[in-house]
């Protein structure tokens, strides 16, 4: 009979059997939980003055976990949100152990009693329409690189997709109409957590996509990099700022392109719910706020 007091066997079962076999969580979530334990176990071993393979479940007690969380913020310089993410993984691990080992229920209750910290929510920022127009005008359309950069910017602006979602986009995910101004076109985007959503494409986006993907296979990436097909290197804001002051943006807008996409969709008469109704981190309340804020623009 396996020793239920040893930590190592529970870590193996949690990572391999529970996260993968029972929950079928995404690879990123699996890695996040694994990284948490990879940081916690050496810390607990130092606190208990034991080797990592000698640790018992009882060695990871409430005070030890509290010290680990304080070390994350103090020594490693992690933000409160990261600290809370690590704590959530530890809570999940303790719940798994208690569910399969009743003698550890009290230990689990002590671990899960450790509270999450309150943290401030950053203001969601976006680019105004003139600023976005200046950003789209920054790439040099006389070069192939500039045409690709302009097309990617336009696609991100149209769909509100993340940079990695656009980088992994395949030609087969595009459903382009034969006539851009007449036929409806859309794109299927694979997002975080293995979620999929379909987004309509503007006629201008379709017009620029058609020559970029002509005579290419459906399993190829839409946006190509001279070095490697998936293009993760996005330098557009920096290039744009080098062109002049009109393109400068407030701090924090680099991750908010999906927000200006929703903001400007009200200018063009597109309902925000058609843009990103399956969004992972934007609620319909946010769409309503944007829509209501620009009610005067729609009337004018």
Protein backbone atom coordinates (compact mmCIF):
# COMPACT_ATOMS: atom_id res chain seq x y z
CA UNK A 1 0.00 0.00 0.00
CA UNK A 2 1.37 3.41 -0.98
CA UNK A 3 2.33 5.83 1.78
CA UNK A 4 -0.36 8.52 1.69
CA UNK A 5 1.75 10.78 3.88
CA UNK A 6 4.46 11.34 1.25
CA UNK A 7 4.11 14.44 -0.89
CA UNK A 8 5.78 13.07 -4.02
CA UNK A 9 3.14 10.49 -4.90
CA UNK A 10 0.35 13.08 -4.58
CA UNK A 11 2.18 15.53 -6.84
CA UNK A 12 2.54 12.87 -9.52
CA UNK A 13 -1.12 11.86 -9.31
CA UNK A 14 -2.28 15.49 -9.32
CA UNK A 15 -0.24 16.49 -12.38
CA UNK A 16 -0.59 13.35 -14.48
CA UNK A 17 -3.88 11.76 -13.45
CA UNK A 18 -6.04 14.65 -12.26
CA UNK A 19 -5.09 17.61 -14.47
CA UNK A 20 -4.64 15.56 -17.64
CA UNK A 21 -6.70 12.39 -17.25
CA UNK A 22 -9.66 13.61 -15.19
CA UNK A 23 -9.92 17.35 -15.97
CA UNK A 24 -8.31 17.50 -19.43
CA UNK A 25 -7.16 21.04 -18.74
CA UNK A 26 -5.32 23.07 -21.36
CA UNK A 27 -1.55 22.78 -21.66
CA UNK A 28 -1.04 26.31 -20.34
CA UNK A 29 -3.09 25.54 -17.21
CA UNK A 30 -1.17 22.32 -16.67
CA UNK A 31 2.11 24.20 -16.91
CA UNK A 32 0.89 26.90 -14.54
CA UNK A 33 -0.01 24.33 -11.87
CA UNK A 34 3.24 22.45 -12.44
CA UNK A 35 5.30 25.64 -12.14
CA UNK A 36 3.56 26.50 -8.87
CA UNK A 37 4.52 23.16 -7.36
CA UNK A 38 8.02 23.44 -8.82
CA UNK A 39 8.44 26.65 -6.82
CA UNK A 40 6.63 25.49 -3.68
CA UNK A 41 8.40 22.15 -3.19
CA UNK A 42 11.99 23.50 -2.97
CA UNK A 43 10.78 26.26 -0.64
CA UNK A 44 9.06 23.73 1.63
CA UNK A 45 12.18 21.53 1.57
CA UNK A 46 14.34 24.43 2.74
CA UNK A 47 11.88 25.29 5.49
CA UNK A 48 11.65 21.68 6.69
CA UNK A 49 15.40 21.02 6.22
CA UNK A 50 14.63 17.94 4.14
CA UNK A 51 15.32 16.68 0.66
CA UNK A 52 12.46 17.12 -1.78
CA UNK A 53 11.84 13.35 -2.00
CA UNK A 54 11.54 13.17 1.80
CA UNK A 55 8.80 15.77 2.11
CA UNK A 56 5.49 14.77 3.65
CA UNK A 57 2.13 16.37 3.01
CA UNK A 58 2.20 17.77 6.55
CA UNK A 59 5.40 19.68 5.75
CA UNK A 60 3.42 21.95 3.44
CA UNK A 61 1.36 23.45 6.23
CA UNK A 62 -0.39 26.79 6.50
CA UNK A 63 2.61 28.76 7.78
CA UNK A 64 4.85 27.28 5.07
CA UNK A 65 2.42 28.26 2.31
CA UNK A 66 2.08 31.74 3.79
CA UNK A 67 5.85 32.13 3.78
CA UNK A 68 5.98 30.90 0.20
CA UNK A 69 3.42 33.48 -0.93
CA UNK A 70 5.31 36.24 0.90
CA UNK A 71 8.52 35.09 -0.78
CA UNK A 72 6.86 35.34 -4.19
CA UNK A 73 6.04 39.00 -3.61
CA UNK A 74 9.15 39.99 -1.66
CA UNK A 75 12.00 38.01 -3.24
CA UNK A 76 10.71 37.22 -6.72
CA UNK A 77 8.85 40.52 -7.14
CA UNK A 78 5.61 38.92 -8.28
CA UNK A 79 2.43 40.94 -8.51
CA UNK A 80 -0.59 40.24 -6.32
CA UNK A 81 -2.40 38.68 -9.26
CA UNK A 82 0.46 36.19 -9.71
CA UNK A 83 0.45 35.46 -5.99
CA UNK A 84 -3.29 34.73 -6.14
CA UNK A 85 -2.81 32.51 -9.18
CA UNK A 86 -0.21 30.43 -7.31
CA UNK A 87 -2.49 30.19 -4.29
CA UNK A 88 -5.37 28.97 -6.48
CA UNK A 89 -3.14 26.14 -7.74
CA UNK A 90 -2.20 25.21 -4.17
CA UNK A 91 -5.88 25.24 -3.16
CA UNK A 92 -6.68 22.90 -6.07
CA UNK A 93 -3.86 20.55 -5.06
CA UNK A 94 -4.97 20.43 -1.42
CA UNK A 95 -8.57 19.75 -2.45
CA UNK A 96 -7.40 16.87 -4.65
CA UNK A 97 -5.39 15.33 -1.80
CA UNK A 98 -8.26 15.62 0.68
CA UNK A 99 -10.75 14.14 -1.79
CA UNK A 100 -8.66 10.98 -2.08
CA UNK A 101 -7.27 10.84 1.45
CA UNK A 102 -9.80 11.59 4.23
CA UNK A 103 -7.06 11.84 6.85
CA UNK A 104 -5.88 15.04 5.13
CA UNK A 105 -9.22 16.85 5.22
CA UNK A 106 -8.19 19.00 8.19
CA UNK A 107 -4.89 19.84 6.48
CA UNK A 108 -6.82 20.81 3.35
CA UNK A 109 -9.16 23.07 5.35
CA UNK A 110 -6.17 24.90 6.83
CA UNK A 111 -4.59 25.42 3.41
CA UNK A 112 -7.84 26.54 1.78
CA UNK A 113 -8.42 29.00 4.62
CA UNK A 114 -5.52 31.10 3.32
CA UNK A 115 -7.30 34.04 1.66
CA UNK A 116 -6.67 35.69 -1.68
CA UNK A 117 -5.35 39.23 -1.64
CA UNK A 118 -7.34 42.12 -2.98
CA UNK A 119 -5.70 43.84 -5.92
CA UNK A 120 -6.53 46.92 -7.95
CA UNK A 121 -7.95 46.50 -11.43
CA UNK A 122 -6.13 48.43 -14.12
CA UNK A 123 -8.09 50.82 -16.28
CA UNK A 124 -8.92 49.41 -19.69
CA UNK A 125 -7.49 51.76 -22.28
CA UNK A 126 -7.86 52.02 -26.05
CA UNK A 127 -6.86 54.14 -29.03
CA UNK A 128 -9.15 56.79 -30.42
CA UNK A 129 -10.19 56.57 -34.08
CA UNK A 130 -7.63 59.15 -35.35
CA UNK A 131 -4.88 57.40 -33.38
CA UNK A 132 -5.84 54.06 -34.87
CA UNK A 133 -5.87 55.56 -38.36
CA UNK A 134 -2.35 56.89 -37.76
CA UNK A 135 -1.24 53.45 -36.59
CA UNK A 136 -2.65 51.83 -39.73
CA UNK A 137 -0.86 54.40 -41.87
CA UNK A 138 2.53 53.74 -40.24
CA UNK A 139 3.70 50.66 -42.26
CA UNK A 140 5.38 51.31 -45.62
CA UNK A 141 2.99 49.83 -48.18
CA UNK A 142 5.70 49.94 -50.86
CA UNK A 143 7.44 46.93 -49.27
CA UNK A 144 6.21 43.37 -48.71
CA UNK A 145 6.98 43.67 -44.99
CA UNK A 146 4.98 46.88 -44.75
CA UNK A 147 2.02 45.34 -46.56
CA UNK A 148 2.09 42.37 -44.19
CA UNK A 149 2.33 44.69 -41.16
CA UNK A 150 -0.59 46.81 -42.36
CA UNK A 151 -2.70 43.73 -43.02
CA UNK A 152 -2.03 42.31 -39.57
CA UNK A 153 -2.83 45.62 -37.90
CA UNK A 154 -6.07 45.86 -39.86
CA UNK A 155 -6.95 42.27 -38.96
CA UNK A 156 -6.29 42.88 -35.25
CA UNK A 157 -8.33 46.08 -35.40
CA UNK A 158 -11.20 44.33 -37.19
CA UNK A 159 -11.40 41.20 -35.03
CA UNK A 160 -10.00 42.26 -31.65
CA UNK A 161 -7.85 39.10 -31.73
CA UNK A 162 -4.82 38.65 -29.55
CA UNK A 163 -1.40 38.79 -31.18
CA UNK A 164 -0.76 35.07 -30.63
CA UNK A 165 -4.20 34.23 -32.06
CA UNK A 166 -3.37 36.14 -35.22
CA UNK A 167 0.09 34.57 -35.40
CA UNK A 168 -1.39 31.06 -35.31
CA UNK A 169 -4.19 31.84 -37.78
CA UNK A 170 -4.37 29.43 -40.74
CA UNK A 171 -5.72 30.17 -44.18
CA UNK A 172 -8.24 27.37 -43.67
CA UNK A 173 -9.77 29.38 -40.79
CA UNK A 174 -10.83 32.12 -43.21
CA UNK A 175 -14.25 32.06 -44.87
CA UNK A 176 -13.98 34.81 -47.48
CA UNK A 177 -16.79 35.86 -49.76
CA UNK A 178 -16.25 35.94 -53.51
CA UNK A 179 -17.18 39.64 -53.65
CA UNK A 180 -15.96 41.54 -50.53
CA UNK A 181 -18.60 44.26 -50.68
CA UNK A 182 -21.49 41.86 -51.27
CA UNK A 183 -20.81 38.47 -49.69
CA UNK A 184 -20.38 37.98 -45.96
CA UNK A 185 -16.93 36.93 -44.77
CA UNK A 186 -15.75 35.66 -41.39
CA UNK A 187 -12.83 34.07 -39.59
CA UNK A 188 -12.72 31.30 -36.99
CA UNK A 189 -10.29 32.21 -34.21
CA UNK A 190 -8.84 29.69 -31.77
CA UNK A 191 -8.41 31.47 -28.44
CA UNK A 192 -7.21 30.77 -24.94
CA UNK A 193 -8.53 27.71 -23.17
CA UNK A 194 -9.19 25.97 -26.51
CA UNK A 195 -12.17 28.25 -27.08
CA UNK A 196 -13.26 29.10 -30.60
CA UNK A 197 -15.21 32.08 -31.87
CA UNK A 198 -16.25 33.34 -35.30
CA UNK A 199 -15.86 37.00 -36.17
CA UNK A 200 -17.15 38.91 -39.21
CA UNK A 201 -14.61 40.56 -41.48
CA UNK A 202 -14.91 43.99 -43.00
CA UNK A 203 -14.85 44.32 -46.82
CA UNK A 204 -11.57 46.25 -46.60
CA UNK A 205 -9.99 43.44 -44.55
CA UNK A 206 -11.17 40.85 -47.07
CA UNK A 207 -9.90 42.97 -49.96
CA UNK A 208 -6.40 42.98 -48.50
CA UNK A 209 -6.48 39.34 -47.36
CA UNK A 210 -7.31 37.91 -50.80
CA UNK A 211 -4.02 38.79 -52.56
CA UNK A 212 -2.01 37.91 -49.44
CA UNK A 213 -3.26 34.30 -49.36
CA UNK A 214 -3.70 33.64 -53.08
CA UNK A 215 -2.01 30.49 -54.46
CA UNK A 216 -1.26 29.22 -50.94
CA UNK A 217 -2.37 26.06 -49.12
CA UNK A 218 -5.11 26.08 -46.49
CA UNK A 219 -2.79 24.63 -43.83
CA UNK A 220 -0.35 27.56 -44.08
CA UNK A 221 -0.28 30.51 -41.71
CA UNK A 222 -1.90 33.71 -42.91
CA UNK A 223 0.82 36.01 -41.57
CA UNK A 224 4.33 34.90 -42.46
CA UNK A 225 7.66 35.86 -40.97
CA UNK A 226 10.87 35.74 -43.03
CA UNK A 227 12.49 33.64 -40.29
CA UNK A 228 9.64 31.45 -39.02
CA UNK A 229 6.03 31.18 -40.19
CA UNK A 230 4.18 32.08 -36.95
CA UNK A 231 4.95 35.79 -36.53
CA UNK A 232 5.13 36.68 -32.86
CA UNK A 233 7.21 39.84 -33.35
CA UNK A 234 4.90 42.83 -33.43
CA UNK A 235 6.80 46.12 -33.55
CA UNK A 236 4.08 48.33 -34.99
CA UNK A 237 3.55 50.77 -32.08
CA UNK A 238 7.28 51.50 -31.93
CA UNK A 239 7.49 52.02 -35.67
CA UNK A 240 4.43 54.22 -35.56
CA UNK A 241 5.74 56.39 -32.74
CA UNK A 242 8.90 56.96 -34.76
CA UNK A 243 6.70 58.57 -37.45
CA UNK A 244 5.36 61.39 -35.27
CA UNK A 245 3.50 62.54 -32.21
CA UNK A 246 0.04 61.93 -33.68
CA UNK A 247 0.50 58.21 -33.23
CA UNK A 248 1.59 58.25 -29.62
CA UNK A 249 -0.71 56.44 -27.22
CA UNK A 250 -1.31 56.52 -23.46
CA UNK A 251 0.55 53.92 -21.35
CA UNK A 252 -1.06 50.51 -21.31
CA UNK A 253 -2.86 50.53 -24.63
CA UNK A 254 -0.61 47.92 -26.21
CA UNK A 255 -2.84 45.14 -24.84
CA UNK A 256 -6.09 46.99 -25.53
CA UNK A 257 -6.51 46.67 -29.27
CA UNK A 258 -9.60 44.55 -28.79
CA UNK A 259 -11.10 47.43 -26.80
CA UNK A 260 -10.58 50.06 -29.48
CA UNK A 261 -11.97 47.50 -31.90
CA UNK A 262 -15.18 47.40 -29.88
CA UNK A 263 -15.12 51.15 -29.37
CA UNK A 264 -14.84 51.98 -33.07
CA UNK A 265 -17.32 49.32 -34.13
CA UNK A 266 -20.02 51.65 -32.84
CA UNK A 267 -18.76 54.31 -35.25
CA UNK A 268 -19.22 52.06 -38.23
CA UNK A 269 -22.60 50.66 -37.20
CA UNK A 270 -21.34 47.19 -36.20
CA UNK A 271 -23.04 45.77 -33.10
CA UNK A 272 -20.38 45.01 -30.46
CA UNK A 273 -22.01 41.66 -29.66
CA UNK A 274 -21.19 40.47 -33.18
CA UNK A 275 -17.53 41.19 -32.66
CA UNK A 276 -16.52 39.23 -29.64
CA UNK A 277 -19.54 37.68 -27.99
CA UNK A 278 -17.45 34.63 -27.10
CA UNK A 279 -14.67 36.67 -25.54
CA UNK A 280 -12.72 35.09 -22.72
CA UNK A 281 -12.20 38.24 -20.69
CA UNK A 282 -14.72 40.86 -21.85
CA UNK A 283 -18.29 40.82 -20.58
CA UNK A 284 -21.40 42.03 -22.36
CA UNK A 285 -21.58 44.71 -19.69
CA UNK A 286 -18.32 46.14 -21.04
CA UNK A 287 -19.75 46.13 -24.54
CA UNK A 288 -22.83 47.95 -23.27
CA UNK A 289 -20.68 50.58 -21.56
CA UNK A 290 -18.75 51.23 -24.76
CA UNK A 291 -21.97 51.35 -26.78
CA UNK A 292 -23.69 53.74 -24.40
CA UNK A 293 -20.64 55.97 -24.12
CA UNK A 294 -20.68 56.57 -27.87
CA UNK A 295 -24.41 56.97 -28.31
CA UNK A 296 -23.90 60.61 -29.37
CA UNK A 297 -21.49 59.48 -32.10
CA UNK A 298 -24.04 57.14 -33.62
CA UNK A 299 -26.67 59.88 -33.63
CA UNK A 300 -24.40 62.43 -35.31
